[in-house]
PDB file of N, CA and C in Angstrom:
ATOM      1  N   UNK A   1      81.533 106.198 101.087  1.00  0.00           N
ATOM      2  CA  UNK A   1      81.382 104.885 101.665  1.00  0.00           C
ATOM      3  C   UNK A   1      82.565 104.029 101.228  1.00  0.00           C
ATOM      4  N   UNK A   2      83.360 103.627 102.158  1.00  0.00           N
ATOM      5  CA  UNK A   2      84.578 102.874 101.870  1.00  0.00           C
ATOM      6  C   UNK A   2      84.273 101.534 101.197  1.00  0.00           C
ATOM      7  N   UNK A   3      83.196 100.916 101.569  1.00  0.00           N
ATOM      8  CA  UNK A   3      82.896  99.577 101.077  1.00  0.00           C
ATOM      9  C   UNK A   3      81.883  99.552  99.954  1.00  0.00           C
ATOM     10  N   UNK A   4      81.729 100.667  99.244  1.00  0.00           N
ATOM     11  CA  UNK A   4      80.759 100.697  98.159  1.00  0.00           C
ATOM     12  C   UNK A   4      81.143  99.779  97.010  1.00  0.00           C
ATOM     13  N   UNK A   5      82.373  99.325  96.967  1.00  0.00           N
ATOM     14  CA  UNK A   5      82.813  98.417  95.915  1.00  0.00           C
ATOM     15  C   UNK A   5      81.956  97.149  95.893  1.00  0.00           C
ATOM     16  N   UNK A   6      81.496  96.713  97.050  1.00  0.00           N
ATOM     17  CA  UNK A   6      80.700  95.488  97.095  1.00  0.00           C
ATOM     18  C   UNK A   6      79.389  95.672  96.336  1.00  0.00           C
ATOM     19  N   UNK A   7      78.833  96.883  96.389  1.00  0.00           N
ATOM     20  CA  UNK A   7      77.604  97.172  95.653  1.00  0.00           C
ATOM     21  C   UNK A   7      77.879  97.077  94.146  1.00  0.00           C
ATOM     22  N   UNK A   8      79.019  97.569  93.719  1.00  0.00           N
ATOM     23  CA  UNK A   8      79.385  97.494  92.305  1.00  0.00           C
ATOM     24  C   UNK A   8      79.569  96.045  91.856  1.00  0.00           C
ATOM     25  N   UNK A   9      80.214  95.240  92.684  1.00  0.00           N
ATOM     26  CA  UNK A   9      80.418  93.830  92.350  1.00  0.00           C
ATOM     27  C   UNK A   9      79.076  93.110  92.249  1.00  0.00           C
ATOM     28  N   UNK A  10      78.204  93.349  93.210  1.00  0.00           N
ATOM     29  CA  UNK A  10      76.880  92.731  93.168  1.00  0.00           C
ATOM     30  C   UNK A  10      76.107  93.179  91.924  1.00  0.00           C
ATOM     31  N   UNK A  11      76.259  94.444  91.553  1.00  0.00           N
ATOM     32  CA  UNK A  11      75.612  94.951  90.347  1.00  0.00           C
ATOM     33  C   UNK A  11      76.132  94.267  89.091  1.00  0.00           C
ATOM     34  N   UNK A  12      77.440  94.037  89.054  1.00  0.00           N
ATOM     35  CA  UNK A  12      78.021  93.326  87.912  1.00  0.00           C
ATOM     36  C   UNK A  12      77.484  91.895  87.830  1.00  0.00           C
ATOM     37  N   UNK A  13      77.382  91.240  88.981  1.00  0.00           N
ATOM     38  CA  UNK A  13      76.836  89.886  89.009  1.00  0.00           C
ATOM     39  C   UNK A  13      75.371  89.866  88.569  1.00  0.00           C
ATOM     40  N   UNK A  14      74.613  90.874  89.021  1.00  0.00           N
ATOM     41  CA  UNK A  14      73.207  90.972  88.621  1.00  0.00           C
ATOM     42  C   UNK A  14      73.102  91.166  87.111  1.00  0.00           C
ATOM     43  N   UNK A  15      73.937  92.025  86.550  1.00  0.00           N
ATOM     44  CA  UNK A  15      73.921  92.261  85.109  1.00  0.00           C
ATOM     45  C   UNK A  15      74.273  90.980  84.346  1.00  0.00           C
ATOM     46  N   UNK A  16      75.238  90.243  84.838  1.00  0.00           N
ATOM     47  CA  UNK A  16      75.612  88.975  84.219  1.00  0.00           C
ATOM     48  C   UNK A  16      74.438  87.999  84.238  1.00  0.00           C
ATOM     49  N   UNK A  17      73.786  87.905  85.387  1.00  0.00           N
ATOM     50  CA  UNK A  17      72.646  86.992  85.522  1.00  0.00           C
ATOM     51  C   UNK A  17      71.528  87.377  84.558  1.00  0.00           C
ATOM     52  N   UNK A  18      71.231  88.661  84.468  1.00  0.00           N
ATOM     53  CA  UNK A  18      70.166  89.129  83.578  1.00  0.00           C
ATOM     54  C   UNK A  18      70.517  88.865  82.113  1.00  0.00           C
ATOM     55  N   UNK A  19      71.761  89.084  81.749  1.00  0.00           N
ATOM     56  CA  UNK A  19      72.214  88.894  80.369  1.00  0.00           C
ATOM     57  C   UNK A  19      72.233  87.418  79.978  1.00  0.00           C
ATOM     58  N   UNK A  20      72.437  86.551  80.962  1.00  0.00           N
ATOM     59  CA  UNK A  20      72.583  85.121  80.680  1.00  0.00           C
ATOM     60  C   UNK A  20      71.346  84.319  81.067  1.00  0.00           C
ATOM     61  N   UNK A  21      70.186  84.954  80.986  1.00  0.00           N
ATOM     62  CA  UNK A  21      68.902  84.291  81.190  1.00  0.00           C
ATOM     63  C   UNK A  21      68.802  83.576  82.540  1.00  0.00           C
ATOM     64  N   UNK A  22      69.189  84.289  83.586  1.00  0.00           N
ATOM     65  CA  UNK A  22      69.071  83.793  84.956  1.00  0.00           C
ATOM     66  C   UNK A  22      68.240  84.784  85.773  1.00  0.00           C
ATOM     67  N   UNK A  23      66.949  84.926  85.439  1.00  0.00           N
ATOM     68  CA  UNK A  23      66.130  85.958  86.076  1.00  0.00           C
ATOM     69  C   UNK A  23      65.953  85.780  87.582  1.00  0.00           C
ATOM     70  N   UNK A  24      65.899  84.547  88.044  1.00  0.00           N
ATOM     71  CA  UNK A  24      65.769  84.313  89.489  1.00  0.00           C
ATOM     72  C   UNK A  24      66.991  84.798  90.237  1.00  0.00           C
ATOM     73  N   UNK A  25      68.152  84.497  89.706  1.00  0.00           N
ATOM     74  CA  UNK A  25      69.396  84.952  90.318  1.00  0.00           C
ATOM     75  C   UNK A  25      69.501  86.467  90.262  1.00  0.00           C
ATOM     76  N   UNK A  26      69.129  87.052  89.132  1.00  0.00           N
ATOM     77  CA  UNK A  26      69.169  88.510  89.005  1.00  0.00           C
ATOM     78  C   UNK A  26      68.275  89.166  90.057  1.00  0.00           C
ATOM     79  N   UNK A  27      67.098  88.590  90.276  1.00  0.00           N
ATOM     80  CA  UNK A  27      66.177  89.121  91.277  1.00  0.00           C
ATOM     81  C   UNK A  27      66.755  89.004  92.690  1.00  0.00           C
ATOM     82  N   UNK A  28      67.336  87.860  92.997  1.00  0.00           N
ATOM     83  CA  UNK A  28      67.954  87.666  94.314  1.00  0.00           C
ATOM     84  C   UNK A  28      69.119  88.633  94.525  1.00  0.00           C
ATOM     85  N   UNK A  29      69.880  88.854  93.481  1.00  0.00           N
ATOM     86  CA  UNK A  29      70.996  89.799  93.590  1.00  0.00           C
ATOM     87  C   UNK A  29      70.499  91.218  93.785  1.00  0.00           C
ATOM     88  N   UNK A  30      69.375  91.574  93.182  1.00  0.00           N
ATOM     89  CA  UNK A  30      68.781  92.896  93.410  1.00  0.00           C
ATOM     90  C   UNK A  30      68.441  93.058  94.886  1.00  0.00           C
ATOM     91  N   UNK A  31      67.822  92.015  95.463  1.00  0.00           N
ATOM     92  CA  UNK A  31      67.507  92.055  96.895  1.00  0.00           C
ATOM     93  C   UNK A  31      68.773  92.159  97.739  1.00  0.00           C
ATOM     94  N   UNK A  32      69.818  91.458  97.301  1.00  0.00           N
ATOM     95  CA  UNK A  32      71.097  91.484  98.024  1.00  0.00           C
ATOM     96  C   UNK A  32      71.728  92.866  97.957  1.00  0.00           C
ATOM     97  N   UNK A  33      71.621  93.530  96.819  1.00  0.00           N
ATOM     98  CA  UNK A  33      72.146  94.891  96.674  1.00  0.00           C
ATOM     99  C   UNK A  33      71.439  95.828  97.647  1.00  0.00           C
ATOM    100  N   UNK A  34      70.126  95.704  97.725  1.00  0.00           N
ATOM    101  CA  UNK A  34      69.363  96.546  98.657  1.00  0.00           C
ATOM    102  C   UNK A  34      69.787  96.265 100.095  1.00  0.00           C
ATOM    103  N   UNK A  35      69.891  94.988 100.457  1.00  0.00           N
ATOM    104  CA  UNK A  35      70.283  94.622 101.823  1.00  0.00           C
ATOM    105  C   UNK A  35      71.680  95.145 102.150  1.00  0.00           C
ATOM    106  N   UNK A  36      72.611  94.994 101.225  1.00  0.00           N
ATOM    107  CA  UNK A  36      73.980  95.464 101.454  1.00  0.00           C
ATOM    108  C   UNK A  36      74.019  96.978 101.608  1.00  0.00           C
ATOM    109  N   UNK A  37      73.256  97.675 100.773  1.00  0.00           N
ATOM    110  CA  UNK A  37      73.220  99.138 100.845  1.00  0.00           C
ATOM    111  C   UNK A  37      72.675  99.598 102.188  1.00  0.00           C
ATOM    112  N   UNK A  38      71.607  98.958 102.631  1.00  0.00           N
ATOM    113  CA  UNK A  38      71.009  99.314 103.921  1.00  0.00           C
ATOM    114  C   UNK A  38      71.977  99.027 105.055  1.00  0.00           C
ATOM    115  N   UNK A  39      72.578  97.855 105.054  1.00  0.00           N
ATOM    116  CA  UNK A  39      73.491  97.498 106.138  1.00  0.00           C
ATOM    117  C   UNK A  39      74.719  98.394 106.181  1.00  0.00           C
ATOM    118  N   UNK A  40      75.264  98.719 105.033  1.00  0.00           N
ATOM    119  CA  UNK A  40      76.421  99.610 105.023  1.00  0.00           C
ATOM    120  C   UNK A  40      76.034 100.990 105.550  1.00  0.00           C
ATOM    121  N   UNK A  41      74.849 101.458 105.189  1.00  0.00           N
ATOM    122  CA  UNK A  41      74.387 102.761 105.671  1.00  0.00           C
ATOM    123  C   UNK A  41      74.148 102.716 107.182  1.00  0.00           C
ATOM    124  N   UNK A  42      73.566 101.635 107.671  1.00  0.00           N
ATOM    125  CA  UNK A  42      73.286 101.506 109.102  1.00  0.00           C
ATOM    126  C   UNK A  42      74.560 101.391 109.918  1.00  0.00           C
ATOM    127  N   UNK A  43      75.549 100.713 109.355  1.00  0.00           N
ATOM    128  CA  UNK A  43      76.816 100.581 110.068  1.00  0.00           C
ATOM    129  C   UNK A  43      77.570 101.895 110.119  1.00  0.00           C
ATOM    130  N   UNK A  44      77.204 102.834 109.250  1.00  0.00           N
ATOM    131  CA  UNK A  44      77.824 104.151 109.259  1.00  0.00           C
ATOM    132  C   UNK A  44      79.283 104.132 108.874  1.00  0.00           C
ATOM    133  N   UNK A  45      79.636 103.365 107.857  1.00  0.00           N
ATOM    134  CA  UNK A  45      81.025 103.319 107.414  1.00  0.00           C
ATOM    135  C   UNK A  45      81.485 104.712 107.032  1.00  0.00           C
ATOM    136  N   UNK A  46      82.609 105.111 107.568  1.00  0.00           N
ATOM    137  CA  UNK A  46      83.163 106.435 107.288  1.00  0.00           C
ATOM    138  C   UNK A  46      83.783 106.448 105.895  1.00  0.00           C
ATOM    139  N   UNK A  47      83.799 107.624 105.276  1.00  0.00           N
ATOM    140  CA  UNK A  47      84.385 107.786 103.945  1.00  0.00           C
ATOM    141  C   UNK A  47      85.832 107.301 103.915  1.00  0.00           C
ATOM    142  N   UNK A  48      86.591 107.625 104.955  1.00  0.00           N
ATOM    143  CA  UNK A  48      88.004 107.260 104.961  1.00  0.00           C
ATOM    144  C   UNK A  48      88.273 105.956 105.690  1.00  0.00           C
ATOM    145  N   UNK A  49      87.246 105.344 106.248  1.00  0.00           N
ATOM    146  CA  UNK A  49      87.409 104.087 106.952  1.00  0.00           C
ATOM    147  C   UNK A  49      88.045 104.234 108.320  1.00  0.00           C
ATOM    148  N   UNK A  50      88.292 105.455 108.754  1.00  0.00           N
ATOM    149  CA  UNK A  50      88.989 105.671 110.017  1.00  0.00           C
ATOM    150  C   UNK A  50      88.082 105.532 111.225  1.00  0.00           C
ATOM    151  N   UNK A  51      86.809 105.797 111.052  1.00  0.00           N
ATOM    152  CA  UNK A  51      85.907 105.710 112.185  1.00  0.00           C
ATOM    153  C   UNK A  51      84.525 105.290 111.730  1.00  0.00           C
ATOM    154  N   UNK A  52      83.767 104.776 112.680  1.00  0.00           N
ATOM    155  CA  UNK A  52      82.413 104.365 112.378  1.00  0.00           C
ATOM    156  C   UNK A  52      81.458 105.155 113.245  1.00  0.00           C
ATOM    157  N   UNK A  53      80.298 105.466 112.683  1.00  0.00           N
ATOM    158  CA  UNK A  53      79.263 106.182 113.419  1.00  0.00           C
ATOM    159  C   UNK A  53      77.973 105.390 113.316  1.00  0.00           C
ATOM    160  N   UNK A  54      77.355 105.132 114.452  1.00  0.00           N
ATOM    161  CA  UNK A  54      76.064 104.466 114.435  1.00  0.00           C
ATOM    162  C   UNK A  54      75.010 105.489 114.053  1.00  0.00           C
ATOM    163  N   UNK A  55      74.117 105.104 113.185  1.00  0.00           N
ATOM    164  CA  UNK A  55      73.063 106.003 112.729  1.00  0.00           C
ATOM    165  C   UNK A  55      71.716 105.338 112.968  1.00  0.00           C
ATOM    166  N   UNK A  56      70.764 106.132 113.418  1.00  0.00           N
ATOM    167  CA  UNK A  56      69.422 105.598 113.601  1.00  0.00           C
ATOM    168  C   UNK A  56      68.494 106.026 112.482  1.00  0.00           C
ATOM    169  N   UNK A  57      68.833 107.094 111.790  1.00  0.00           N
ATOM    170  CA  UNK A  57      68.048 107.534 110.653  1.00  0.00           C
ATOM    171  C   UNK A  57      69.001 107.971 109.560  1.00  0.00           C
ATOM    172  N   UNK A  58      68.488 108.051 108.369  1.00  0.00           N
ATOM    173  CA  UNK A  58      69.336 108.487 107.266  1.00  0.00           C
ATOM    174  C   UNK A  58      68.712 108.158 105.940  1.00  0.00           C
ATOM    175  N   UNK A  59      69.442 108.416 104.903  1.00  0.00           N
ATOM    176  CA  UNK A  59      68.979 108.174 103.547  1.00  0.00           C
ATOM    177  C   UNK A  59      69.728 106.992 102.982  1.00  0.00           C
ATOM    178  N   UNK A  60      69.006 106.077 102.383  1.00  0.00           N
ATOM    179  CA  UNK A  60      69.611 104.929 101.735  1.00  0.00           C
ATOM    180  C   UNK A  60      69.503 105.161 100.238  1.00  0.00           C
ATOM    181  N   UNK A  61      70.646 105.126  99.568  1.00  0.00           N
ATOM    182  CA  UNK A  61      70.682 105.305  98.129  1.00  0.00           C
ATOM    183  C   UNK A  61      70.783 103.937  97.477  1.00  0.00           C
ATOM    184  N   UNK A  62      69.955 103.707  96.493  1.00  0.00           N
ATOM    185  CA  UNK A  62      69.965 102.434  95.806  1.00  0.00           C
ATOM    186  C   UNK A  62      70.867 102.534  94.587  1.00  0.00           C
ATOM    187  N   UNK A  63      71.736 101.569  94.442  1.00  0.00           N
ATOM    188  CA  UNK A  63      72.664 101.550  93.309  1.00  0.00           C
ATOM    189  C   UNK A  63      71.908 101.300  92.019  1.00  0.00           C
ATOM    190  N   UNK A  64      72.209 102.080  91.004  1.00  0.00           N
ATOM    191  CA  UNK A  64      71.627 101.877  89.684  1.00  0.00           C
ATOM    192  C   UNK A  64      72.729 101.384  88.789  1.00  0.00           C
ATOM    193  N   UNK A  65      72.561 100.161  88.310  1.00  0.00           N
ATOM    194  CA  UNK A  65      73.606  99.550  87.495  1.00  0.00           C
ATOM    195  C   UNK A  65      73.041  99.178  86.159  1.00  0.00           C
TER     196      UNK A  65
END
Protein backbone atom coordinates (compact mmCIF):
# COMPACT_ATOMS: atom_id res chain seq x y z
CA UNK A 1 0.00 0.00 0.00
CA UNK A 2 1.69 3.16 -1.21
CA UNK A 3 -0.10 5.40 1.27
CA UNK A 4 0.34 3.30 4.39
CA UNK A 5 2.53 6.06 5.82
CA UNK A 6 -0.62 7.92 6.82
CA UNK A 7 -1.61 5.01 9.07
CA UNK A 8 1.80 5.22 10.76
CA UNK A 9 1.46 8.98 11.28
CA UNK A 10 -2.01 8.57 12.76
CA UNK A 11 -0.65 5.83 15.02
CA UNK A 12 2.11 8.13 16.23
CA UNK A 13 -0.45 10.84 16.98
CA UNK A 14 -2.63 8.32 18.83
CA UNK A 15 0.36 7.20 20.91
CA UNK A 16 1.18 10.82 21.73
CA UNK A 17 -2.41 11.48 22.79
CA UNK A 18 -2.50 8.38 24.99
CA UNK A 19 0.86 9.22 26.60
CA UNK A 20 -0.17 12.82 27.28
CA UNK A 21 -3.49 12.08 29.00
CA UNK A 22 -5.72 12.87 26.03
CA UNK A 23 -7.95 9.76 25.99
CA UNK A 24 -10.71 11.35 23.91
CA UNK A 25 -8.28 12.33 21.19
CA UNK A 26 -6.62 8.91 21.31
CA UNK A 27 -10.03 7.28 20.84
CA UNK A 28 -10.91 9.55 17.91
CA UNK A 29 -7.56 8.82 16.30
CA UNK A 30 -8.20 5.08 16.66
CA UNK A 31 -11.45 5.56 14.76
CA UNK A 32 -9.59 7.65 12.18
CA UNK A 33 -6.99 4.89 11.72
CA UNK A 34 -9.76 2.38 11.05
CA UNK A 35 -11.50 4.73 8.60
CA UNK A 36 -8.25 5.47 6.75
CA UNK A 37 -7.37 1.78 6.55
CA UNK A 38 -10.79 0.92 5.15
CA UNK A 39 -10.76 3.75 2.63
CA UNK A 40 -7.28 2.97 1.40
CA UNK A 41 -8.25 -0.69 0.99
CA UNK A 42 -11.47 0.24 -0.84
CA UNK A 43 -9.66 2.61 -3.16
CA UNK A 44 -7.36 -0.27 -4.08
CA UNK A 45 -4.11 1.68 -3.99
CA UNK A 46 -1.50 -0.27 -5.90
CA UNK A 47 1.78 -1.23 -4.24
CA UNK A 48 3.75 0.82 -6.75
CA UNK A 49 1.19 3.59 -7.11
CA UNK A 50 1.05 3.02 -10.86
CA UNK A 51 -2.53 1.87 -11.04
CA UNK A 52 -5.68 1.65 -9.01
CA UNK A 53 -8.12 -1.23 -8.77
CA UNK A 54 -11.63 -0.92 -7.44
CA UNK A 55 -12.43 -3.68 -4.99
CA UNK A 56 -15.80 -4.76 -3.70
CA UNK A 57 -14.52 -7.29 -1.20
CA UNK A 58 -11.28 -7.86 0.59
CA UNK A 59 -9.46 -7.99 3.86
CA UNK A 60 -8.88 -4.91 5.96
CA UNK A 61 -5.85 -5.06 8.21
CA UNK A 62 -5.88 -2.92 11.30
CA UNK A 63 -2.64 -1.17 12.19
CA UNK A 64 -1.19 -2.15 15.55
CA UNK A 65 0.89 0.62 16.99
